[in-house]
């Protein structure tokens, strides 16, 4: 994922995340390393997908958010709600069978 998650792009993201959950995914890991901006609509989509995932005994995690996105998460207190991996290298090591 790259660019912006905003009013215009959030519906596509929502559709992708809901589709993944409907296809049986339980743990969603979003690579945020190329996301330059995320507005309240994007945050809402991520929170909704996290709730859906947790309802199915899964989770939604964010990988390597850029400084602007990290700032939004910190200001809103959502850095305490989402599981955030600062380093994609450690993230990929934790993803896989049995993870």
PDB file of N, CA and C in Angstrom:
ATOM      1  N   UNK A   1       0.838  -1.152   0.000  1.00  0.00           N
ATOM      2  CA  UNK A   1       0.000   0.000   0.000  1.00  0.00           C
ATOM      3  C   UNK A   1       0.897   1.233   0.000  1.00  0.00           C
ATOM      4  N   UNK A   2       0.517   2.233  -0.776  1.00  0.00           N
ATOM      5  CA  UNK A   2       1.312   3.442  -0.825  1.00  0.00           C
ATOM      6  C   UNK A   2       0.449   4.648  -1.099  1.00  0.00           C
ATOM      7  N   UNK A   3       1.009   5.845  -0.916  1.00  0.00           N
ATOM      8  CA  UNK A   3       0.278   7.068  -1.177  1.00  0.00           C
ATOM      9  C   UNK A   3      -0.471   7.550   0.034  1.00  0.00           C
ATOM     10  N   UNK A   4      -1.774   7.759  -0.142  1.00  0.00           N
ATOM     11  CA  UNK A   4      -2.606   8.295   0.916  1.00  0.00           C
ATOM     12  C   UNK A   4      -3.782   7.375   1.203  1.00  0.00           C
ATOM     13  N   UNK A   5      -4.173   7.328   2.457  1.00  0.00           N
ATOM     14  CA  UNK A   5      -5.416   6.663   2.830  1.00  0.00           C
ATOM     15  C   UNK A   5      -6.329   7.786   3.302  1.00  0.00           C
ATOM     16  N   UNK A   6      -7.293   8.113   2.458  1.00  0.00           N
ATOM     17  CA  UNK A   6      -8.165   9.244   2.757  1.00  0.00           C
ATOM     18  C   UNK A   6      -9.590   8.945   2.291  1.00  0.00           C
ATOM     19  N   UNK A   7     -10.411   9.957   2.282  1.00  0.00           N
ATOM     20  CA  UNK A   7     -11.816   9.828   1.905  1.00  0.00           C
ATOM     21  C   UNK A   7     -11.988   9.134   0.554  1.00  0.00           C
ATOM     22  N   UNK A   8     -11.050   9.343  -0.361  1.00  0.00           N
ATOM     23  CA  UNK A   8     -11.172   8.800  -1.709  1.00  0.00           C
ATOM     24  C   UNK A   8     -10.638   7.378  -1.840  1.00  0.00           C
ATOM     25  N   UNK A   9      -9.609   7.048  -1.079  1.00  0.00           N
ATOM     26  CA  UNK A   9      -8.995   5.723  -1.214  1.00  0.00           C
ATOM     27  C   UNK A   9      -9.451   4.731  -0.142  1.00  0.00           C
ATOM     28  N   UNK A  10     -10.014   5.235   0.956  1.00  0.00           N
ATOM     29  CA  UNK A  10     -10.426   4.364   2.057  1.00  0.00           C
ATOM     30  C   UNK A  10     -11.449   3.302   1.647  1.00  0.00           C
ATOM     31  N   UNK A  11     -12.429   3.611   0.783  1.00  0.00           N
ATOM     32  CA  UNK A  11     -13.381   2.560   0.405  1.00  0.00           C
ATOM     33  C   UNK A  11     -12.721   1.353  -0.271  1.00  0.00           C
ATOM     34  N   UNK A  12     -11.715   1.586  -1.090  1.00  0.00           N
ATOM     35  CA  UNK A  12     -11.003   0.476  -1.728  1.00  0.00           C
ATOM     36  C   UNK A  12     -10.253  -0.342  -0.681  1.00  0.00           C
ATOM     37  N   UNK A  13      -9.601   0.332   0.266  1.00  0.00           N
ATOM     38  CA  UNK A  13      -8.901  -0.362   1.338  1.00  0.00           C
ATOM     39  C   UNK A  13      -9.892  -1.194   2.155  1.00  0.00           C
ATOM     40  N   UNK A  14     -11.020  -0.595   2.500  1.00  0.00           N
ATOM     41  CA  UNK A  14     -12.046  -1.310   3.265  1.00  0.00           C
ATOM     42  C   UNK A  14     -12.483  -2.578   2.532  1.00  0.00           C
ATOM     43  N   UNK A  15     -12.739  -2.459   1.234  1.00  0.00           N
ATOM     44  CA  UNK A  15     -13.155  -3.617   0.440  1.00  0.00           C
ATOM     45  C   UNK A  15     -12.096  -4.710   0.451  1.00  0.00           C
ATOM     46  N   UNK A  16     -10.829  -4.329   0.343  1.00  0.00           N
ATOM     47  CA  UNK A  16      -9.732  -5.307   0.353  1.00  0.00           C
ATOM     48  C   UNK A  16      -9.628  -6.012   1.709  1.00  0.00           C
ATOM     49  N   UNK A  17      -9.741  -5.241   2.776  1.00  0.00           N
ATOM     50  CA  UNK A  17      -9.620  -5.821   4.111  1.00  0.00           C
ATOM     51  C   UNK A  17     -10.811  -6.720   4.441  1.00  0.00           C
ATOM     52  N   UNK A  18     -12.016  -6.266   4.114  1.00  0.00           N
ATOM     53  CA  UNK A  18     -13.205  -7.084   4.351  1.00  0.00           C
ATOM     54  C   UNK A  18     -13.133  -8.355   3.518  1.00  0.00           C
ATOM     55  N   UNK A  19     -12.686  -8.225   2.279  1.00  0.00           N
ATOM     56  CA  UNK A  19     -12.537  -9.395   1.418  1.00  0.00           C
ATOM     57  C   UNK A  19     -11.563 -10.407   1.990  1.00  0.00           C
ATOM     58  N   UNK A  20     -10.445  -9.930   2.505  1.00  0.00           N
ATOM     59  CA  UNK A  20      -9.446 -10.832   3.102  1.00  0.00           C
ATOM     60  C   UNK A  20     -10.034 -11.560   4.304  1.00  0.00           C
ATOM     61  N   UNK A  21     -10.796 -10.831   5.127  1.00  0.00           N
ATOM     62  CA  UNK A  21     -11.409 -11.463   6.296  1.00  0.00           C
ATOM     63  C   UNK A  21     -12.476 -12.474   5.883  1.00  0.00           C
ATOM     64  N   UNK A  22     -13.239 -12.141   4.868  1.00  0.00           N
ATOM     65  CA  UNK A  22     -14.264 -13.070   4.386  1.00  0.00           C
ATOM     66  C   UNK A  22     -13.643 -14.313   3.763  1.00  0.00           C
ATOM     67  N   UNK A  23     -12.438 -14.161   3.233  1.00  0.00           N
ATOM     68  CA  UNK A  23     -11.724 -15.305   2.648  1.00  0.00           C
ATOM     69  C   UNK A  23     -11.021 -16.146   3.706  1.00  0.00           C
ATOM     70  N   UNK A  24     -11.157 -15.777   4.978  1.00  0.00           N
ATOM     71  CA  UNK A  24     -10.611 -16.599   6.047  1.00  0.00           C
ATOM     72  C   UNK A  24      -9.391 -16.058   6.757  1.00  0.00           C
ATOM     73  N   UNK A  25      -8.881 -14.911   6.318  1.00  0.00           N
ATOM     74  CA  UNK A  25      -7.720 -14.327   7.005  1.00  0.00           C
ATOM     75  C   UNK A  25      -8.127 -13.926   8.418  1.00  0.00           C
ATOM     76  N   UNK A  26      -7.251 -14.126   9.352  1.00  0.00           N
ATOM     77  CA  UNK A  26      -7.508 -13.717  10.731  1.00  0.00           C
ATOM     78  C   UNK A  26      -6.506 -12.648  11.159  1.00  0.00           C
ATOM     79  N   UNK A  27      -5.274 -12.792  10.749  1.00  0.00           N
ATOM     80  CA  UNK A  27      -4.233 -11.816  11.076  1.00  0.00           C
ATOM     81  C   UNK A  27      -3.944 -10.999   9.828  1.00  0.00           C
ATOM     82  N   UNK A  28      -4.253  -9.730   9.903  1.00  0.00           N
ATOM     83  CA  UNK A  28      -3.989  -8.820   8.794  1.00  0.00           C
ATOM     84  C   UNK A  28      -2.790  -7.960   9.159  1.00  0.00           C
ATOM     85  N   UNK A  29      -1.793  -7.947   8.305  1.00  0.00           N
ATOM     86  CA  UNK A  29      -0.610  -7.120   8.518  1.00  0.00           C
ATOM     87  C   UNK A  29      -0.546  -6.119   7.367  1.00  0.00           C
ATOM     88  N   UNK A  30      -0.665  -4.841   7.703  1.00  0.00           N
ATOM     89  CA  UNK A  30      -0.691  -3.777   6.703  1.00  0.00           C
ATOM     90  C   UNK A  30       0.684  -3.121   6.638  1.00  0.00           C
ATOM     91  N   UNK A  31       1.329  -3.205   5.484  1.00  0.00           N
ATOM     92  CA  UNK A  31       2.615  -2.541   5.262  1.00  0.00           C
ATOM     93  C   UNK A  31       2.333  -1.054   5.028  1.00  0.00           C
ATOM     94  N   UNK A  32       2.648  -0.242   6.009  1.00  0.00           N
ATOM     95  CA  UNK A  32       2.381   1.194   5.944  1.00  0.00           C
ATOM     96  C   UNK A  32       3.615   1.999   5.532  1.00  0.00           C
ATOM     97  N   UNK A  33       4.672   1.330   5.119  1.00  0.00           N
ATOM     98  CA  UNK A  33       5.947   2.002   4.863  1.00  0.00           C
ATOM     99  C   UNK A  33       5.896   3.012   3.719  1.00  0.00           C
ATOM    100  N   UNK A  34       4.920   2.897   2.835  1.00  0.00           N
ATOM    101  CA  UNK A  34       4.826   3.847   1.724  1.00  0.00           C
ATOM    102  C   UNK A  34       3.609   4.757   1.825  1.00  0.00           C
ATOM    103  N   UNK A  35       2.910   4.708   2.965  1.00  0.00           N
ATOM    104  CA  UNK A  35       1.742   5.562   3.168  1.00  0.00           C
ATOM    105  C   UNK A  35       2.225   6.909   3.700  1.00  0.00           C
ATOM    106  N   UNK A  36       2.013   7.948   2.919  1.00  0.00           N
ATOM    107  CA  UNK A  36       2.470   9.295   3.276  1.00  0.00           C
ATOM    108  C   UNK A  36       1.489  10.029   4.186  1.00  0.00           C
ATOM    109  N   UNK A  37       0.195   9.639   4.105  1.00  0.00           N
ATOM    110  CA  UNK A  37      -0.836  10.384   4.814  1.00  0.00           C
ATOM    111  C   UNK A  37      -2.008   9.464   5.095  1.00  0.00           C
ATOM    112  N   UNK A  38      -2.616   9.611   6.262  1.00  0.00           N
ATOM    113  CA  UNK A  38      -3.809   8.846   6.613  1.00  0.00           C
ATOM    114  C   UNK A  38      -4.740   9.767   7.380  1.00  0.00           C
ATOM    115  N   UNK A  39      -5.942  10.001   6.838  1.00  0.00           N
ATOM    116  CA  UNK A  39      -6.880  10.879   7.522  1.00  0.00           C
ATOM    117  C   UNK A  39      -7.836  10.073   8.397  1.00  0.00           C
ATOM    118  N   UNK A  40      -8.809  10.745   8.983  1.00  0.00           N
ATOM    119  CA  UNK A  40      -9.726  10.084   9.907  1.00  0.00           C
ATOM    120  C   UNK A  40     -10.537   8.984   9.238  1.00  0.00           C
ATOM    121  N   UNK A  41     -10.833   9.128   7.955  1.00  0.00           N
ATOM    122  CA  UNK A  41     -11.557   8.085   7.244  1.00  0.00           C
ATOM    123  C   UNK A  41     -10.705   6.828   7.146  1.00  0.00           C
ATOM    124  N   UNK A  42      -9.436   6.989   6.851  1.00  0.00           N
ATOM    125  CA  UNK A  42      -8.521   5.856   6.777  1.00  0.00           C
ATOM    126  C   UNK A  42      -8.349   5.186   8.122  1.00  0.00           C
ATOM    127  N   UNK A  43      -8.215   5.991   9.174  1.00  0.00           N
ATOM    128  CA  UNK A  43      -8.088   5.446  10.524  1.00  0.00           C
ATOM    129  C   UNK A  43      -9.336   4.649  10.874  1.00  0.00           C
ATOM    130  N   UNK A  44     -10.495   5.169  10.511  1.00  0.00           N
ATOM    131  CA  UNK A  44     -11.759   4.481  10.783  1.00  0.00           C
ATOM    132  C   UNK A  44     -11.811   3.116  10.091  1.00  0.00           C
ATOM    133  N   UNK A  45     -11.345   3.058   8.855  1.00  0.00           N
ATOM    134  CA  UNK A  45     -11.317   1.789   8.118  1.00  0.00           C
ATOM    135  C   UNK A  45     -10.384   0.796   8.811  1.00  0.00           C
ATOM    136  N   UNK A  46      -9.213   1.249   9.238  1.00  0.00           N
ATOM    137  CA  UNK A  46      -8.274   0.369   9.921  1.00  0.00           C
ATOM    138  C   UNK A  46      -8.850  -0.134  11.245  1.00  0.00           C
ATOM    139  N   UNK A  47      -9.496   0.751  11.998  1.00  0.00           N
ATOM    140  CA  UNK A  47     -10.099   0.351  13.270  1.00  0.00           C
ATOM    141  C   UNK A  47     -11.226  -0.663  13.060  1.00  0.00           C
ATOM    142  N   UNK A  48     -12.039  -0.420  12.062  1.00  0.00           N
ATOM    143  CA  UNK A  48     -13.143  -1.329  11.758  1.00  0.00           C
ATOM    144  C   UNK A  48     -12.627  -2.706  11.368  1.00  0.00           C
ATOM    145  N   UNK A  49     -11.584  -2.738  10.541  1.00  0.00           N
ATOM    146  CA  UNK A  49     -11.003  -4.021  10.132  1.00  0.00           C
ATOM    147  C   UNK A  49     -10.360  -4.724  11.321  1.00  0.00           C
ATOM    148  N   UNK A  50      -9.746  -3.957  12.216  1.00  0.00           N
ATOM    149  CA  UNK A  50      -9.157  -4.561  13.406  1.00  0.00           C
ATOM    150  C   UNK A  50     -10.249  -5.193  14.264  1.00  0.00           C
ATOM    151  N   UNK A  51     -11.364  -4.494  14.433  1.00  0.00           N
ATOM    152  CA  UNK A  51     -12.468  -5.029  15.224  1.00  0.00           C
ATOM    153  C   UNK A  51     -13.013  -6.310  14.597  1.00  0.00           C
ATOM    154  N   UNK A  52     -13.223  -6.293  13.277  1.00  0.00           N
ATOM    155  CA  UNK A  52     -13.721  -7.490  12.586  1.00  0.00           C
ATOM    156  C   UNK A  52     -12.757  -8.654  12.753  1.00  0.00           C
ATOM    157  N   UNK A  53     -11.480  -8.363  12.630  1.00  0.00           N
ATOM    158  CA  UNK A  53     -10.472  -9.405  12.775  1.00  0.00           C
ATOM    159  C   UNK A  53     -10.463  -9.956  14.195  1.00  0.00           C
ATOM    160  N   UNK A  54     -10.526  -9.075  15.177  1.00  0.00           N
ATOM    161  CA  UNK A  54     -10.524  -9.517  16.577  1.00  0.00           C
ATOM    162  C   UNK A  54     -11.790 -10.298  16.921  1.00  0.00           C
ATOM    163  N   UNK A  55     -12.906  -9.946  16.284  1.00  0.00           N
ATOM    164  CA  UNK A  55     -14.148 -10.702  16.478  1.00  0.00           C
ATOM    165  C   UNK A  55     -13.991 -12.153  16.010  1.00  0.00           C
ATOM    166  N   UNK A  56     -13.034 -12.378  15.122  1.00  0.00           N
ATOM    167  CA  UNK A  56     -12.760 -13.723  14.601  1.00  0.00           C
ATOM    168  C   UNK A  56     -11.492 -14.305  15.235  1.00  0.00           C
ATOM    169  N   UNK A  57     -11.136 -13.770  16.406  1.00  0.00           N
ATOM    170  CA  UNK A  57      -9.940 -14.200  17.141  1.00  0.00           C
ATOM    171  C   UNK A  57      -8.648 -13.955  16.367  1.00  0.00           C
ATOM    172  N   UNK A  58      -8.624 -12.872  15.605  1.00  0.00           N
ATOM    173  CA  UNK A  58      -7.429 -12.489  14.868  1.00  0.00           C
ATOM    174  C   UNK A  58      -6.958 -11.121  15.320  1.00  0.00           C
ATOM    175  N   UNK A  59      -6.254 -10.421  14.442  1.00  0.00           N
ATOM    176  CA  UNK A  59      -5.769  -9.083  14.752  1.00  0.00           C
ATOM    177  C   UNK A  59      -5.402  -8.368  13.466  1.00  0.00           C
ATOM    178  N   UNK A  60      -5.238  -7.068  13.575  1.00  0.00           N
ATOM    179  CA  UNK A  60      -4.745  -6.243  12.479  1.00  0.00           C
ATOM    180  C   UNK A  60      -3.524  -5.529  13.021  1.00  0.00           C
ATOM    181  N   UNK A  61      -2.425  -5.606  12.283  1.00  0.00           N
ATOM    182  CA  UNK A  61      -1.166  -5.002  12.708  1.00  0.00           C
ATOM    183  C   UNK A  61      -0.668  -4.054  11.628  1.00  0.00           C
ATOM    184  N   UNK A  62       0.046  -3.036  12.038  1.00  0.00           N
ATOM    185  CA  UNK A  62       0.602  -2.050  11.114  1.00  0.00           C
ATOM    186  C   UNK A  62       2.112  -2.204  11.075  1.00  0.00           C
ATOM    187  N   UNK A  63       2.660  -2.205   9.874  1.00  0.00           N
ATOM    188  CA  UNK A  63       4.094  -2.354   9.712  1.00  0.00           C
ATOM    189  C   UNK A  63       4.740  -1.092   9.184  1.00  0.00           C
ATOM    190  N   UNK A  64       5.741  -0.628   9.894  1.00  0.00           N
ATOM    191  CA  UNK A  64       6.622   0.468   9.487  1.00  0.00           C
ATOM    192  C   UNK A  64       5.896   1.734   9.030  1.00  0.00           C
ATOM    193  N   UNK A  65       5.001   2.263   9.876  1.00  0.00           N
ATOM    194  CA  UNK A  65       4.349   3.511   9.471  1.00  0.00           C
ATOM    195  C   UNK A  65       5.358   4.655   9.384  1.00  0.00           C
ATOM    196  N   UNK A  66       5.163   5.503   8.407  1.00  0.00           N
ATOM    197  CA  UNK A  66       6.034   6.670   8.223  1.00  0.00           C
ATOM    198  C   UNK A  66       5.770   7.694   9.331  1.00  0.00           C
ATOM    199  N   UNK A  67       6.671   8.645   9.509  1.00  0.00           N
ATOM    200  CA  UNK A  67       6.531   9.613  10.613  1.00  0.00           C
ATOM    201  C   UNK A  67       5.191  10.351  10.648  1.00  0.00           C
ATOM    202  N   UNK A  68       4.667  10.764   9.503  1.00  0.00           N
ATOM    203  CA  UNK A  68       3.399  11.503   9.501  1.00  0.00           C
ATOM    204  C   UNK A  68       2.251  10.635  10.001  1.00  0.00           C
ATOM    205  N   UNK A  69       2.249   9.365   9.628  1.00  0.00           N
ATOM    206  CA  UNK A  69       1.202   8.446  10.075  1.00  0.00           C
ATOM    207  C   UNK A  69       1.412   8.100  11.546  1.00  0.00           C
ATOM    208  N   UNK A  70       2.657   7.900  11.946  1.00  0.00           N
ATOM    209  CA  UNK A  70       2.961   7.619  13.347  1.00  0.00           C
ATOM    210  C   UNK A  70       2.476   8.766  14.227  1.00  0.00           C
ATOM    211  N   UNK A  71       2.671   9.997  13.774  1.00  0.00           N
ATOM    212  CA  UNK A  71       2.234  11.177  14.539  1.00  0.00           C
ATOM    213  C   UNK A  71       0.723  11.148  14.740  1.00  0.00           C
ATOM    214  N   UNK A  72      -0.032  10.833  13.692  1.00  0.00           N
ATOM    215  CA  UNK A  72      -1.494  10.748  13.804  1.00  0.00           C
ATOM    216  C   UNK A  72      -1.879   9.675  14.813  1.00  0.00           C
ATOM    217  N   UNK A  73      -1.226   8.533  14.743  1.00  0.00           N
ATOM    218  CA  UNK A  73      -1.520   7.441  15.674  1.00  0.00           C
ATOM    219  C   UNK A  73      -1.208   7.848  17.108  1.00  0.00           C
ATOM    220  N   UNK A  74      -0.105   8.549  17.301  1.00  0.00           N
ATOM    221  CA  UNK A  74       0.282   8.974  18.650  1.00  0.00           C
ATOM    222  C   UNK A  74      -0.675  10.040  19.199  1.00  0.00           C
ATOM    223  N   UNK A  75      -1.016  11.021  18.372  1.00  0.00           N
ATOM    224  CA  UNK A  75      -1.888  12.111  18.817  1.00  0.00           C
ATOM    225  C   UNK A  75      -3.274  11.580  19.195  1.00  0.00           C
ATOM    226  N   UNK A  76      -3.747  10.584  18.477  1.00  0.00           N
ATOM    227  CA  UNK A  76      -5.070  10.023  18.748  1.00  0.00           C
ATOM    228  C   UNK A  76      -5.046   8.929  19.809  1.00  0.00           C
ATOM    229  N   UNK A  77      -3.852   8.524  20.238  1.00  0.00           N
ATOM    230  CA  UNK A  77      -3.738   7.450  21.211  1.00  0.00           C
ATOM    231  C   UNK A  77      -3.862   6.063  20.600  1.00  0.00           C
ATOM    232  N   UNK A  78      -3.967   6.004  19.292  1.00  0.00           N
ATOM    233  CA  UNK A  78      -4.142   4.714  18.620  1.00  0.00           C
ATOM    234  C   UNK A  78      -2.853   3.908  18.520  1.00  0.00           C
ATOM    235  N   UNK A  79      -1.734   4.551  18.850  1.00  0.00           N
ATOM    236  CA  UNK A  79      -0.482   3.789  18.906  1.00  0.00           C
ATOM    237  C   UNK A  79      -0.535   2.784  20.056  1.00  0.00           C
ATOM    238  N   UNK A  80      -1.463   2.982  20.991  1.00  0.00           N
ATOM    239  CA  UNK A  80      -1.659   2.040  22.091  1.00  0.00           C
ATOM    240  C   UNK A  80      -2.713   0.987  21.751  1.00  0.00           C
ATOM    241  N   UNK A  81      -3.451   1.201  20.678  1.00  0.00           N
ATOM    242  CA  UNK A  81      -4.530   0.289  20.280  1.00  0.00           C
ATOM    243  C   UNK A  81      -4.044  -0.712  19.243  1.00  0.00           C
ATOM    244  N   UNK A  82      -3.344  -0.203  18.233  1.00  0.00           N
ATOM    245  CA  UNK A  82      -2.819  -1.067  17.177  1.00  0.00           C
ATOM    246  C   UNK A  82      -1.499  -1.701  17.599  1.00  0.00           C
ATOM    247  N   UNK A  83      -1.260  -2.906  17.117  1.00  0.00           N
ATOM    248  CA  UNK A  83       0.072  -3.494  17.214  1.00  0.00           C
ATOM    249  C   UNK A  83       0.868  -2.888  16.073  1.00  0.00           C
ATOM    250  N   UNK A  84       1.964  -2.224  16.397  1.00  0.00           N
ATOM    251  CA  UNK A  84       2.771  -1.529  15.387  1.00  0.00           C
ATOM    252  C   UNK A  84       4.167  -2.107  15.383  1.00  0.00           C
ATOM    253  N   UNK A  85       4.624  -2.489  14.210  1.00  0.00           N
ATOM    254  CA  UNK A  85       5.979  -2.993  14.015  1.00  0.00           C
ATOM    255  C   UNK A  85       6.759  -1.897  13.297  1.00  0.00           C
ATOM    256  N   UNK A  86       7.770  -1.349  13.949  1.00  0.00           N
ATOM    257  CA  UNK A  86       8.551  -0.270  13.338  1.00  0.00           C
ATOM    258  C   UNK A  86       9.468  -0.773  12.233  1.00  0.00           C
ATOM    259  N   UNK A  87       9.884  -2.015  12.308  1.00  0.00           N
ATOM    260  CA  UNK A  87      10.846  -2.578  11.366  1.00  0.00           C
ATOM    261  C   UNK A  87      10.207  -3.728  10.600  1.00  0.00           C
ATOM    262  N   UNK A  88      10.092  -3.584   9.298  1.00  0.00           N
ATOM    263  CA  UNK A  88       9.498  -4.643   8.483  1.00  0.00           C
ATOM    264  C   UNK A  88      10.329  -5.913   8.505  1.00  0.00           C
ATOM    265  N   UNK A  89      11.619  -5.791   8.765  1.00  0.00           N
ATOM    266  CA  UNK A  89      12.485  -6.975   8.832  1.00  0.00           C
ATOM    267  C   UNK A  89      12.087  -7.887   9.976  1.00  0.00           C
ATOM    268  N   UNK A  90      11.779  -7.315  11.125  1.00  0.00           N
ATOM    269  CA  UNK A  90      11.349  -8.131  12.248  1.00  0.00           C
ATOM    270  C   UNK A  90       9.925  -8.628  12.037  1.00  0.00           C
ATOM    271  N   UNK A  91       9.141  -7.859  11.316  1.00  0.00           N
ATOM    272  CA  UNK A  91       7.774  -8.264  11.032  1.00  0.00           C
ATOM    273  C   UNK A  91       7.750  -9.507  10.165  1.00  0.00           C
ATOM    274  N   UNK A  92       8.541  -9.511   9.097  1.00  0.00           N
ATOM    275  CA  UNK A  92       8.526 -10.658   8.199  1.00  0.00           C
ATOM    276  C   UNK A  92       9.047 -11.916   8.908  1.00  0.00           C
ATOM    277  N   UNK A  93       9.906 -11.721   9.895  1.00  0.00           N
ATOM    278  CA  UNK A  93      10.411 -12.859  10.633  1.00  0.00           C
ATOM    279  C   UNK A  93       9.324 -13.473  11.519  1.00  0.00           C
ATOM    280  N   UNK A  94       8.335 -12.648  11.902  1.00  0.00           N
ATOM    281  CA  UNK A  94       7.289 -13.145  12.785  1.00  0.00           C
ATOM    282  C   UNK A  94       6.082 -13.677  12.023  1.00  0.00           C
ATOM    283  N   UNK A  95       6.039 -13.448  10.717  1.00  0.00           N
ATOM    284  CA  UNK A  95       4.919 -13.910   9.905  1.00  0.00           C
ATOM    285  C   UNK A  95       5.280 -15.267   9.309  1.00  0.00           C
ATOM    286  N   UNK A  96       4.368 -16.169   9.412  1.00  0.00           N
ATOM    287  CA  UNK A  96       4.601 -17.481   8.813  1.00  0.00           C
ATOM    288  C   UNK A  96       3.918 -18.551   9.610  1.00  0.00           C
ATOM    289  N   UNK A  97       4.202 -19.795   9.302  1.00  0.00           N
ATOM    290  CA  UNK A  97       3.559 -20.892  10.010  1.00  0.00           C
ATOM    291  C   UNK A  97       3.805 -20.795  11.510  1.00  0.00           C
ATOM    292  N   UNK A  98       2.724 -20.871  12.235  1.00  0.00           N
ATOM    293  CA  UNK A  98       2.833 -20.837  13.685  1.00  0.00           C
ATOM    294  C   UNK A  98       2.954 -19.443  14.271  1.00  0.00           C
ATOM    295  N   UNK A  99       3.046 -18.426  13.433  1.00  0.00           N
ATOM    296  CA  UNK A  99       3.182 -17.050  13.955  1.00  0.00           C
ATOM    297  C   UNK A  99       1.864 -16.518  14.429  1.00  0.00           C
TER     298      UNK A  99
END
